[in-house]
């Protein structure tokens, strides 16, 4: 992991982006951490990355999990049974057309 002051980041951004392949680059302002540059692989799902860093989305997930603990929910295995037949039907239609 590298630590870089903000003024260095402004001057050497391309170089620091390359360095993220070996670990995050923590950016400091006035000696205190304020941000980080992280490497994203070519095949990394940008939407997943964005959602995993979204406080609003994480709050929604936490509320849903809490409600499921209180009220119960449908097991994933049951949902899978309901979804799978629909996929098969769509697949057959696609193959036939």
PDB file of N, CA and C in Angstrom:
ATOM      1  N   UNK A   1       0.856  -1.173   0.000  1.00  0.00           N
ATOM      2  CA  UNK A   1       0.000   0.000   0.000  1.00  0.00           C
ATOM      3  C   UNK A   1       0.897   1.229   0.000  1.00  0.00           C
ATOM      4  N   UNK A   2       0.524   2.197  -0.803  1.00  0.00           N
ATOM      5  CA  UNK A   2       1.265   3.445  -0.891  1.00  0.00           C
ATOM      6  C   UNK A   2       0.433   4.566  -0.274  1.00  0.00           C
ATOM      7  N   UNK A   3       1.105   5.513   0.326  1.00  0.00           N
ATOM      8  CA  UNK A   3       0.442   6.707   0.844  1.00  0.00           C
ATOM      9  C   UNK A   3       0.998   7.890   0.071  1.00  0.00           C
ATOM     10  N   UNK A   4       0.099   8.707  -0.471  1.00  0.00           N
ATOM     11  CA  UNK A   4       0.529   9.834  -1.295  1.00  0.00           C
ATOM     12  C   UNK A   4      -0.214  11.097  -0.888  1.00  0.00           C
ATOM     13  N   UNK A   5       0.505  12.184  -0.720  1.00  0.00           N
ATOM     14  CA  UNK A   5      -0.172  13.445  -0.437  1.00  0.00           C
ATOM     15  C   UNK A   5      -0.919  13.939  -1.674  1.00  0.00           C
ATOM     16  N   UNK A   6      -1.960  14.697  -1.439  1.00  0.00           N
ATOM     17  CA  UNK A   6      -2.819  15.179  -2.517  1.00  0.00           C
ATOM     18  C   UNK A   6      -2.042  15.906  -3.607  1.00  0.00           C
ATOM     19  N   UNK A   7      -1.066  16.732  -3.233  1.00  0.00           N
ATOM     20  CA  UNK A   7      -0.309  17.462  -4.256  1.00  0.00           C
ATOM     21  C   UNK A   7       0.424  16.495  -5.184  1.00  0.00           C
ATOM     22  N   UNK A   8       0.903  15.361  -4.645  1.00  0.00           N
ATOM     23  CA  UNK A   8       1.582  14.369  -5.480  1.00  0.00           C
ATOM     24  C   UNK A   8       0.593  13.691  -6.427  1.00  0.00           C
ATOM     25  N   UNK A   9      -0.592  13.427  -5.919  1.00  0.00           N
ATOM     26  CA  UNK A   9      -1.619  12.791  -6.745  1.00  0.00           C
ATOM     27  C   UNK A   9      -1.961  13.681  -7.934  1.00  0.00           C
ATOM     28  N   UNK A  10      -2.065  14.977  -7.698  1.00  0.00           N
ATOM     29  CA  UNK A  10      -2.370  15.916  -8.778  1.00  0.00           C
ATOM     30  C   UNK A  10      -1.305  15.879  -9.863  1.00  0.00           C
ATOM     31  N   UNK A  11      -0.063  15.705  -9.468  1.00  0.00           N
ATOM     32  CA  UNK A  11       1.046  15.740 -10.420  1.00  0.00           C
ATOM     33  C   UNK A  11       1.369  14.389 -11.047  1.00  0.00           C
ATOM     34  N   UNK A  12       1.019  13.285 -10.366  1.00  0.00           N
ATOM     35  CA  UNK A  12       1.436  11.958 -10.816  1.00  0.00           C
ATOM     36  C   UNK A  12       0.281  10.966 -10.884  1.00  0.00           C
ATOM     37  N   UNK A  13      -0.887  11.425 -11.258  1.00  0.00           N
ATOM     38  CA  UNK A  13      -2.061  10.552 -11.214  1.00  0.00           C
ATOM     39  C   UNK A  13      -1.873   9.296 -12.066  1.00  0.00           C
ATOM     40  N   UNK A  14      -1.413   9.429 -13.292  1.00  0.00           N
ATOM     41  CA  UNK A  14      -1.251   8.248 -14.158  1.00  0.00           C
ATOM     42  C   UNK A  14      -0.330   7.216 -13.526  1.00  0.00           C
ATOM     43  N   UNK A  15       0.779   7.673 -12.984  1.00  0.00           N
ATOM     44  CA  UNK A  15       1.735   6.774 -12.333  1.00  0.00           C
ATOM     45  C   UNK A  15       1.107   6.084 -11.121  1.00  0.00           C
ATOM     46  N   UNK A  16       0.355   6.834 -10.326  1.00  0.00           N
ATOM     47  CA  UNK A  16      -0.272   6.262  -9.135  1.00  0.00           C
ATOM     48  C   UNK A  16      -1.371   5.271  -9.499  1.00  0.00           C
ATOM     49  N   UNK A  17      -2.101   5.535 -10.566  1.00  0.00           N
ATOM     50  CA  UNK A  17      -3.133   4.589 -11.015  1.00  0.00           C
ATOM     51  C   UNK A  17      -2.474   3.255 -11.370  1.00  0.00           C
ATOM     52  N   UNK A  18      -1.337   3.298 -12.042  1.00  0.00           N
ATOM     53  CA  UNK A  18      -0.615   2.058 -12.365  1.00  0.00           C
ATOM     54  C   UNK A  18      -0.200   1.325 -11.092  1.00  0.00           C
ATOM     55  N   UNK A  19       0.193   2.071 -10.072  1.00  0.00           N
ATOM     56  CA  UNK A  19       0.644   1.456  -8.821  1.00  0.00           C
ATOM     57  C   UNK A  19      -0.489   0.775  -8.057  1.00  0.00           C
ATOM     58  N   UNK A  20      -1.741   1.092  -8.378  1.00  0.00           N
ATOM     59  CA  UNK A  20      -2.858   0.453  -7.672  1.00  0.00           C
ATOM     60  C   UNK A  20      -2.933  -1.041  -7.963  1.00  0.00           C
ATOM     61  N   UNK A  21      -2.269  -1.513  -9.018  1.00  0.00           N
ATOM     62  CA  UNK A  21      -2.270  -2.946  -9.313  1.00  0.00           C
ATOM     63  C   UNK A  21      -1.612  -3.742  -8.194  1.00  0.00           C
ATOM     64  N   UNK A  22      -0.710  -3.119  -7.432  1.00  0.00           N
ATOM     65  CA  UNK A  22      -0.049  -3.829  -6.332  1.00  0.00           C
ATOM     66  C   UNK A  22      -0.671  -3.499  -4.976  1.00  0.00           C
ATOM     67  N   UNK A  23      -1.682  -2.648  -4.948  1.00  0.00           N
ATOM     68  CA  UNK A  23      -2.370  -2.312  -3.706  1.00  0.00           C
ATOM     69  C   UNK A  23      -2.938  -0.912  -3.769  1.00  0.00           C
ATOM     70  N   UNK A  24      -3.838  -0.583  -2.844  1.00  0.00           N
ATOM     71  CA  UNK A  24      -4.457   0.745  -2.871  1.00  0.00           C
ATOM     72  C   UNK A  24      -3.447   1.854  -2.606  1.00  0.00           C
ATOM     73  N   UNK A  25      -3.775   3.028  -3.106  1.00  0.00           N
ATOM     74  CA  UNK A  25      -2.990   4.231  -2.834  1.00  0.00           C
ATOM     75  C   UNK A  25      -3.865   5.114  -1.949  1.00  0.00           C
ATOM     76  N   UNK A  26      -3.422   5.330  -0.723  1.00  0.00           N
ATOM     77  CA  UNK A  26      -4.163   6.182   0.211  1.00  0.00           C
ATOM     78  C   UNK A  26      -3.714   7.622  -0.016  1.00  0.00           C
ATOM     79  N   UNK A  27      -4.673   8.493  -0.204  1.00  0.00           N
ATOM     80  CA  UNK A  27      -4.391   9.909  -0.455  1.00  0.00           C
ATOM     81  C   UNK A  27      -4.577  10.677   0.848  1.00  0.00           C
ATOM     82  N   UNK A  28      -3.608  11.538   1.129  1.00  0.00           N
ATOM     83  CA  UNK A  28      -3.690  12.338   2.351  1.00  0.00           C
ATOM     84  C   UNK A  28      -3.810  13.819   2.011  1.00  0.00           C
ATOM     85  N   UNK A  29      -4.479  14.524   2.886  1.00  0.00           N
ATOM     86  CA  UNK A  29      -4.566  15.990   2.810  1.00  0.00           C
ATOM     87  C   UNK A  29      -4.163  16.509   4.181  1.00  0.00           C
ATOM     88  N   UNK A  30      -3.179  17.364   4.197  1.00  0.00           N
ATOM     89  CA  UNK A  30      -2.646  17.871   5.461  1.00  0.00           C
ATOM     90  C   UNK A  30      -2.232  16.731   6.399  1.00  0.00           C
ATOM     91  N   UNK A  31      -1.684  15.661   5.808  1.00  0.00           N
ATOM     92  CA  UNK A  31      -1.193  14.538   6.592  1.00  0.00           C
ATOM     93  C   UNK A  31      -2.244  13.554   7.064  1.00  0.00           C
ATOM     94  N   UNK A  32      -3.513  13.785   6.729  1.00  0.00           N
ATOM     95  CA  UNK A  32      -4.590  12.898   7.186  1.00  0.00           C
ATOM     96  C   UNK A  32      -5.220  12.186   5.983  1.00  0.00           C
ATOM     97  N   UNK A  33      -5.499  10.878   6.115  1.00  0.00           N
ATOM     98  CA  UNK A  33      -6.123  10.144   5.009  1.00  0.00           C
ATOM     99  C   UNK A  33      -7.475  10.759   4.639  1.00  0.00           C
ATOM    100  N   UNK A  34      -7.725  10.931   3.332  1.00  0.00           N
ATOM    101  CA  UNK A  34      -9.000  11.510   2.903  1.00  0.00           C
ATOM    102  C   UNK A  34      -9.655  10.735   1.764  1.00  0.00           C
ATOM    103  N   UNK A  35      -8.881   9.879   1.073  1.00  0.00           N
ATOM    104  CA  UNK A  35      -9.434   9.123  -0.050  1.00  0.00           C
ATOM    105  C   UNK A  35      -8.477   7.992  -0.389  1.00  0.00           C
ATOM    106  N   UNK A  36      -8.906   7.143  -1.336  1.00  0.00           N
ATOM    107  CA  UNK A  36      -8.031   6.059  -1.779  1.00  0.00           C
ATOM    108  C   UNK A  36      -8.275   5.771  -3.252  1.00  0.00           C
ATOM    109  N   UNK A  37      -7.212   5.402  -3.935  1.00  0.00           N
ATOM    110  CA  UNK A  37      -7.310   4.900  -5.304  1.00  0.00           C
ATOM    111  C   UNK A  37      -7.207   3.393  -5.219  1.00  0.00           C
ATOM    112  N   UNK A  38      -8.125   2.688  -5.859  1.00  0.00           N
ATOM    113  CA  UNK A  38      -8.085   1.226  -5.846  1.00  0.00           C
ATOM    114  C   UNK A  38      -8.111   0.708  -7.271  1.00  0.00           C
ATOM    115  N   UNK A  39      -7.496  -0.433  -7.464  1.00  0.00           N
ATOM    116  CA  UNK A  39      -7.435  -1.056  -8.782  1.00  0.00           C
ATOM    117  C   UNK A  39      -8.751  -1.760  -9.094  1.00  0.00           C
ATOM    118  N   UNK A  40      -9.241  -1.581 -10.295  1.00  0.00           N
ATOM    119  CA  UNK A  40     -10.408  -2.318 -10.772  1.00  0.00           C
ATOM    120  C   UNK A  40      -9.951  -3.167 -11.952  1.00  0.00           C
ATOM    121  N   UNK A  41     -10.101  -4.472 -11.828  1.00  0.00           N
ATOM    122  CA  UNK A  41      -9.726  -5.368 -12.916  1.00  0.00           C
ATOM    123  C   UNK A  41     -10.656  -5.141 -14.104  1.00  0.00           C
ATOM    124  N   UNK A  42     -10.170  -5.470 -15.292  1.00  0.00           N
ATOM    125  CA  UNK A  42     -10.977  -5.280 -16.498  1.00  0.00           C
ATOM    126  C   UNK A  42     -12.310  -5.994 -16.426  1.00  0.00           C
ATOM    127  N   UNK A  43     -12.293  -7.182 -15.817  1.00  0.00           N
ATOM    128  CA  UNK A  43     -13.522  -7.981 -15.761  1.00  0.00           C
ATOM    129  C   UNK A  43     -14.367  -7.689 -14.522  1.00  0.00           C
ATOM    130  N   UNK A  44     -13.959  -6.714 -13.720  1.00  0.00           N
ATOM    131  CA  UNK A  44     -14.720  -6.388 -12.517  1.00  0.00           C
ATOM    132  C   UNK A  44     -16.028  -5.698 -12.897  1.00  0.00           C
ATOM    133  N   UNK A  45     -17.071  -6.092 -12.232  1.00  0.00           N
ATOM    134  CA  UNK A  45     -18.392  -5.539 -12.488  1.00  0.00           C
ATOM    135  C   UNK A  45     -18.491  -4.164 -11.825  1.00  0.00           C
ATOM    136  N   UNK A  46     -18.509  -3.116 -12.636  1.00  0.00           N
ATOM    137  CA  UNK A  46     -18.530  -1.751 -12.131  1.00  0.00           C
ATOM    138  C   UNK A  46     -19.767  -1.501 -11.264  1.00  0.00           C
ATOM    139  N   UNK A  47     -20.901  -2.048 -11.662  1.00  0.00           N
ATOM    140  CA  UNK A  47     -22.131  -1.844 -10.891  1.00  0.00           C
ATOM    141  C   UNK A  47     -21.999  -2.450  -9.492  1.00  0.00           C
ATOM    142  N   UNK A  48     -21.416  -3.630  -9.391  1.00  0.00           N
ATOM    143  CA  UNK A  48     -21.216  -4.261  -8.087  1.00  0.00           C
ATOM    144  C   UNK A  48     -20.288  -3.419  -7.223  1.00  0.00           C
ATOM    145  N   UNK A  49     -19.232  -2.896  -7.822  1.00  0.00           N
ATOM    146  CA  UNK A  49     -18.306  -2.047  -7.074  1.00  0.00           C
ATOM    147  C   UNK A  49     -19.027  -0.808  -6.551  1.00  0.00           C
ATOM    148  N   UNK A  50     -19.790  -0.161  -7.416  1.00  0.00           N
ATOM    149  CA  UNK A  50     -20.493   1.060  -7.022  1.00  0.00           C
ATOM    150  C   UNK A  50     -21.503   0.779  -5.901  1.00  0.00           C
ATOM    151  N   UNK A  51     -22.271  -0.290  -6.040  1.00  0.00           N
ATOM    152  CA  UNK A  51     -23.276  -0.610  -5.022  1.00  0.00           C
ATOM    153  C   UNK A  51     -22.629  -0.980  -3.688  1.00  0.00           C
ATOM    154  N   UNK A  52     -21.496  -1.680  -3.743  1.00  0.00           N
ATOM    155  CA  UNK A  52     -20.851  -2.085  -2.496  1.00  0.00           C
ATOM    156  C   UNK A  52     -20.263  -0.903  -1.735  1.00  0.00           C
ATOM    157  N   UNK A  53     -20.173   0.246  -2.392  1.00  0.00           N
ATOM    158  CA  UNK A  53     -19.655   1.452  -1.741  1.00  0.00           C
ATOM    159  C   UNK A  53     -20.727   2.531  -1.576  1.00  0.00           C
ATOM    160  N   UNK A  54     -21.974   2.146  -1.758  1.00  0.00           N
ATOM    161  CA  UNK A  54     -23.083   3.089  -1.656  1.00  0.00           C
ATOM    162  C   UNK A  54     -23.734   2.988  -0.273  1.00  0.00           C
ATOM    163  N   UNK A  55     -23.581   4.011   0.570  1.00  0.00           N
ATOM    164  CA  UNK A  55     -24.206   3.962   1.898  1.00  0.00           C
ATOM    165  C   UNK A  55     -25.722   3.760   1.818  1.00  0.00           C
ATOM    166  N   UNK A  56     -26.366   4.379   0.853  1.00  0.00           N
ATOM    167  CA  UNK A  56     -27.824   4.247   0.726  1.00  0.00           C
ATOM    168  C   UNK A  56     -28.214   2.803   0.401  1.00  0.00           C
ATOM    169  N   UNK A  57     -27.500   2.185  -0.537  1.00  0.00           N
ATOM    170  CA  UNK A  57     -27.800   0.798  -0.894  1.00  0.00           C
ATOM    171  C   UNK A  57     -27.556  -0.130   0.291  1.00  0.00           C
ATOM    172  N   UNK A  58     -26.441   0.072   1.008  1.00  0.00           N
ATOM    173  CA  UNK A  58     -26.129  -0.770   2.161  1.00  0.00           C
ATOM    174  C   UNK A  58     -27.175  -0.617   3.259  1.00  0.00           C
ATOM    175  N   UNK A  59     -27.725   0.585   3.436  1.00  0.00           N
ATOM    176  CA  UNK A  59     -28.807   0.782   4.404  1.00  0.00           C
ATOM    177  C   UNK A  59     -30.051   0.005   3.989  1.00  0.00           C
ATOM    178  N   UNK A  60     -30.367   0.020   2.694  1.00  0.00           N
ATOM    179  CA  UNK A  60     -31.525  -0.736   2.200  1.00  0.00           C
ATOM    180  C   UNK A  60     -31.350  -2.232   2.461  1.00  0.00           C
ATOM    181  N   UNK A  61     -30.153  -2.743   2.226  1.00  0.00           N
ATOM    182  CA  UNK A  61     -29.879  -4.161   2.461  1.00  0.00           C
ATOM    183  C   UNK A  61     -30.018  -4.472   3.947  1.00  0.00           C
ATOM    184  N   UNK A  62     -29.470  -3.618   4.802  1.00  0.00           N
ATOM    185  CA  UNK A  62     -29.568  -3.832   6.246  1.00  0.00           C
ATOM    186  C   UNK A  62     -31.019  -3.825   6.712  1.00  0.00           C
ATOM    187  N   UNK A  63     -31.815  -2.879   6.200  1.00  0.00           N
ATOM    188  CA  UNK A  63     -33.232  -2.827   6.595  1.00  0.00           C
ATOM    189  C   UNK A  63     -33.981  -4.068   6.134  1.00  0.00           C
ATOM    190  N   UNK A  64     -33.690  -4.515   4.922  1.00  0.00           N
ATOM    191  CA  UNK A  64     -34.353  -5.711   4.406  1.00  0.00           C
ATOM    192  C   UNK A  64     -33.973  -6.936   5.229  1.00  0.00           C
ATOM    193  N   UNK A  65     -32.702  -7.049   5.596  1.00  0.00           N
ATOM    194  CA  UNK A  65     -32.250  -8.185   6.409  1.00  0.00           C
ATOM    195  C   UNK A  65     -32.911  -8.154   7.782  1.00  0.00           C
ATOM    196  N   UNK A  66     -33.015  -6.984   8.368  1.00  0.00           N
ATOM    197  CA  UNK A  66     -33.655  -6.853   9.682  1.00  0.00           C
ATOM    198  C   UNK A  66     -35.131  -7.229   9.599  1.00  0.00           C
ATOM    199  N   UNK A  67     -35.811  -6.768   8.572  1.00  0.00           N
ATOM    200  CA  UNK A  67     -37.231  -7.096   8.404  1.00  0.00           C
ATOM    201  C   UNK A  67     -37.409  -8.600   8.204  1.00  0.00           C
ATOM    202  N   UNK A  68     -36.504  -9.216   7.465  1.00  0.00           N
ATOM    203  CA  UNK A  68     -36.578 -10.658   7.262  1.00  0.00           C
ATOM    204  C   UNK A  68     -36.371 -11.397   8.576  1.00  0.00           C
ATOM    205  N   UNK A  69     -35.451 -10.916   9.415  1.00  0.00           N
ATOM    206  CA  UNK A  69     -35.245 -11.545  10.732  1.00  0.00           C
ATOM    207  C   UNK A  69     -36.503 -11.435  11.587  1.00  0.00           C
ATOM    208  N   UNK A  70     -37.160 -10.263  11.535  1.00  0.00           N
ATOM    209  CA  UNK A  70     -38.367 -10.046  12.354  1.00  0.00           C
ATOM    210  C   UNK A  70     -39.562 -10.816  11.823  1.00  0.00           C
ATOM    211  N   UNK A  71     -39.806 -10.714  10.539  1.00  0.00           N
ATOM    212  CA  UNK A  71     -41.046 -11.216   9.950  1.00  0.00           C
ATOM    213  C   UNK A  71     -40.906 -12.555   9.236  1.00  0.00           C
ATOM    214  N   UNK A  72     -39.686 -12.982   9.020  1.00  0.00           N
ATOM    215  CA  UNK A  72     -39.465 -14.202   8.244  1.00  0.00           C
ATOM    216  C   UNK A  72     -39.396 -13.867   6.770  1.00  0.00           C
ATOM    217  N   UNK A  73     -39.074 -14.846   6.006  1.00  0.00           N
ATOM    218  CA  UNK A  73     -38.950 -14.617   4.571  1.00  0.00           C
ATOM    219  C   UNK A  73     -39.007 -15.935   3.826  1.00  0.00           C
ATOM    220  N   UNK A  74     -38.784 -15.865   2.544  1.00  0.00           N
ATOM    221  CA  UNK A  74     -38.798 -17.045   1.700  1.00  0.00           C
ATOM    222  C   UNK A  74     -37.366 -17.529   1.526  1.00  0.00           C
ATOM    223  N   UNK A  75     -37.095 -18.796   1.822  1.00  0.00           N
ATOM    224  CA  UNK A  75     -35.739 -19.318   1.635  1.00  0.00           C
ATOM    225  C   UNK A  75     -35.318 -19.224   0.164  1.00  0.00           C
ATOM    226  N   UNK A  76     -34.041 -19.010  -0.060  1.00  0.00           N
ATOM    227  CA  UNK A  76     -33.514 -18.887  -1.411  1.00  0.00           C
ATOM    228  C   UNK A  76     -33.826 -20.118  -2.250  1.00  0.00           C
ATOM    229  N   UNK A  77     -33.804 -21.293  -1.641  1.00  0.00           N
ATOM    230  CA  UNK A  77     -34.097 -22.528  -2.385  1.00  0.00           C
ATOM    231  C   UNK A  77     -35.519 -22.506  -2.947  1.00  0.00           C
ATOM    232  N   UNK A  78     -36.464 -21.925  -2.204  1.00  0.00           N
ATOM    233  CA  UNK A  78     -37.844 -21.818  -2.692  1.00  0.00           C
ATOM    234  C   UNK A  78     -37.951 -20.813  -3.832  1.00  0.00           C
ATOM    235  N   UNK A  79     -37.264 -19.691  -3.688  1.00  0.00           N
ATOM    236  CA  UNK A  79     -37.263 -18.697  -4.768  1.00  0.00           C
ATOM    237  C   UNK A  79     -36.664 -19.293  -6.038  1.00  0.00           C
ATOM    238  N   UNK A  80     -35.599 -20.058  -5.882  1.00  0.00           N
ATOM    239  CA  UNK A  80     -34.951 -20.671  -7.042  1.00  0.00           C
ATOM    240  C   UNK A  80     -35.904 -21.590  -7.780  1.00  0.00           C
ATOM    241  N   UNK A  81     -36.713 -22.347  -7.032  1.00  0.00           N
ATOM    242  CA  UNK A  81     -37.685 -23.241  -7.667  1.00  0.00           C
ATOM    243  C   UNK A  81     -38.694 -22.456  -8.490  1.00  0.00           C
ATOM    244  N   UNK A  82     -39.082 -21.292  -7.999  1.00  0.00           N
ATOM    245  CA  UNK A  82     -40.060 -20.477  -8.711  1.00  0.00           C
ATOM    246  C   UNK A  82     -39.458 -19.818  -9.940  1.00  0.00           C
ATOM    247  N   UNK A  83     -38.208 -19.449  -9.864  1.00  0.00           N
ATOM    248  CA  UNK A  83     -37.562 -18.720 -10.968  1.00  0.00           C
ATOM    249  C   UNK A  83     -37.098 -19.654 -12.073  1.00  0.00           C
ATOM    250  N   UNK A  84     -36.577 -20.796 -11.734  1.00  0.00           N
ATOM    251  CA  UNK A  84     -35.998 -21.707 -12.726  1.00  0.00           C
ATOM    252  C   UNK A  84     -36.976 -22.118 -13.828  1.00  0.00           C
ATOM    253  N   UNK A  85     -38.223 -22.506 -13.511  1.00  0.00           N
ATOM    254  CA  UNK A  85     -39.127 -22.882 -14.606  1.00  0.00           C
ATOM    255  C   UNK A  85     -39.347 -21.744 -15.592  1.00  0.00           C
ATOM    256  N   UNK A  86     -39.374 -20.507 -15.119  1.00  0.00           N
ATOM    257  CA  UNK A  86     -39.564 -19.376 -16.010  1.00  0.00           C
ATOM    258  C   UNK A  86     -38.375 -19.235 -16.954  1.00  0.00           C
ATOM    259  N   UNK A  87     -37.189 -19.468 -16.468  1.00  0.00           N
ATOM    260  CA  UNK A  87     -35.996 -19.386 -17.313  1.00  0.00           C
ATOM    261  C   UNK A  87     -36.052 -20.440 -18.408  1.00  0.00           C
ATOM    262  N   UNK A  88     -36.447 -21.650 -18.036  1.00  0.00           N
ATOM    263  CA  UNK A  88     -36.503 -22.729 -19.026  1.00  0.00           C
ATOM    264  C   UNK A  88     -37.497 -22.409 -20.124  1.00  0.00           C
ATOM    265  N   UNK A  89     -38.663 -21.894 -19.729  1.00  0.00           N
ATOM    266  CA  UNK A  89     -39.672 -21.561 -20.737  1.00  0.00           C
ATOM    267  C   UNK A  89     -39.145 -20.507 -21.690  1.00  0.00           C
ATOM    268  N   UNK A  90     -38.477 -19.493 -21.147  1.00  0.00           N
ATOM    269  CA  UNK A  90     -37.929 -18.435 -21.996  1.00  0.00           C
ATOM    270  C   UNK A  90     -36.860 -18.997 -22.920  1.00  0.00           C
ATOM    271  N   UNK A  91     -36.038 -19.913 -22.422  1.00  0.00           N
ATOM    272  CA  UNK A  91     -34.978 -20.505 -23.222  1.00  0.00           C
ATOM    273  C   UNK A  91     -35.561 -21.260 -24.398  1.00  0.00           C
ATOM    274  N   UNK A  92     -36.624 -22.056 -24.139  1.00  0.00           N
ATOM    275  CA  UNK A  92     -37.243 -22.827 -25.196  1.00  0.00           C
ATOM    276  C   UNK A  92     -37.831 -21.919 -26.253  1.00  0.00           C
ATOM    277  N   UNK A  93     -38.481 -20.841 -25.840  1.00  0.00           N
ATOM    278  CA  UNK A  93     -39.058 -19.905 -26.800  1.00  0.00           C
ATOM    279  C   UNK A  93     -37.974 -19.301 -27.654  1.00  0.00           C
ATOM    280  N   UNK A  94     -36.857 -18.959 -27.034  1.00  0.00           N
ATOM    281  CA  UNK A  94     -35.753 -18.351 -27.764  1.00  0.00           C
ATOM    282  C   UNK A  94     -35.200 -19.322 -28.794  1.00  0.00           C
ATOM    283  N   UNK A  95     -35.072 -20.617 -28.413  1.00  0.00           N
ATOM    284  CA  UNK A  95     -34.531 -21.614 -29.322  1.00  0.00           C
ATOM    285  C   UNK A  95     -35.473 -21.883 -30.482  1.00  0.00           C
ATOM    286  N   UNK A  96     -36.786 -21.854 -30.212  1.00  0.00           N
ATOM    287  CA  UNK A  96     -37.769 -22.148 -31.239  1.00  0.00           C
ATOM    288  C   UNK A  96     -37.881 -21.044 -32.273  1.00  0.00           C
ATOM    289  N   UNK A  97     -37.659 -19.796 -31.878  1.00  0.00           N
ATOM    290  CA  UNK A  97     -37.831 -18.680 -32.815  1.00  0.00           C
ATOM    291  C   UNK A  97     -36.609 -18.418 -33.621  1.00  0.00           C
TER     292      UNK A  97
END
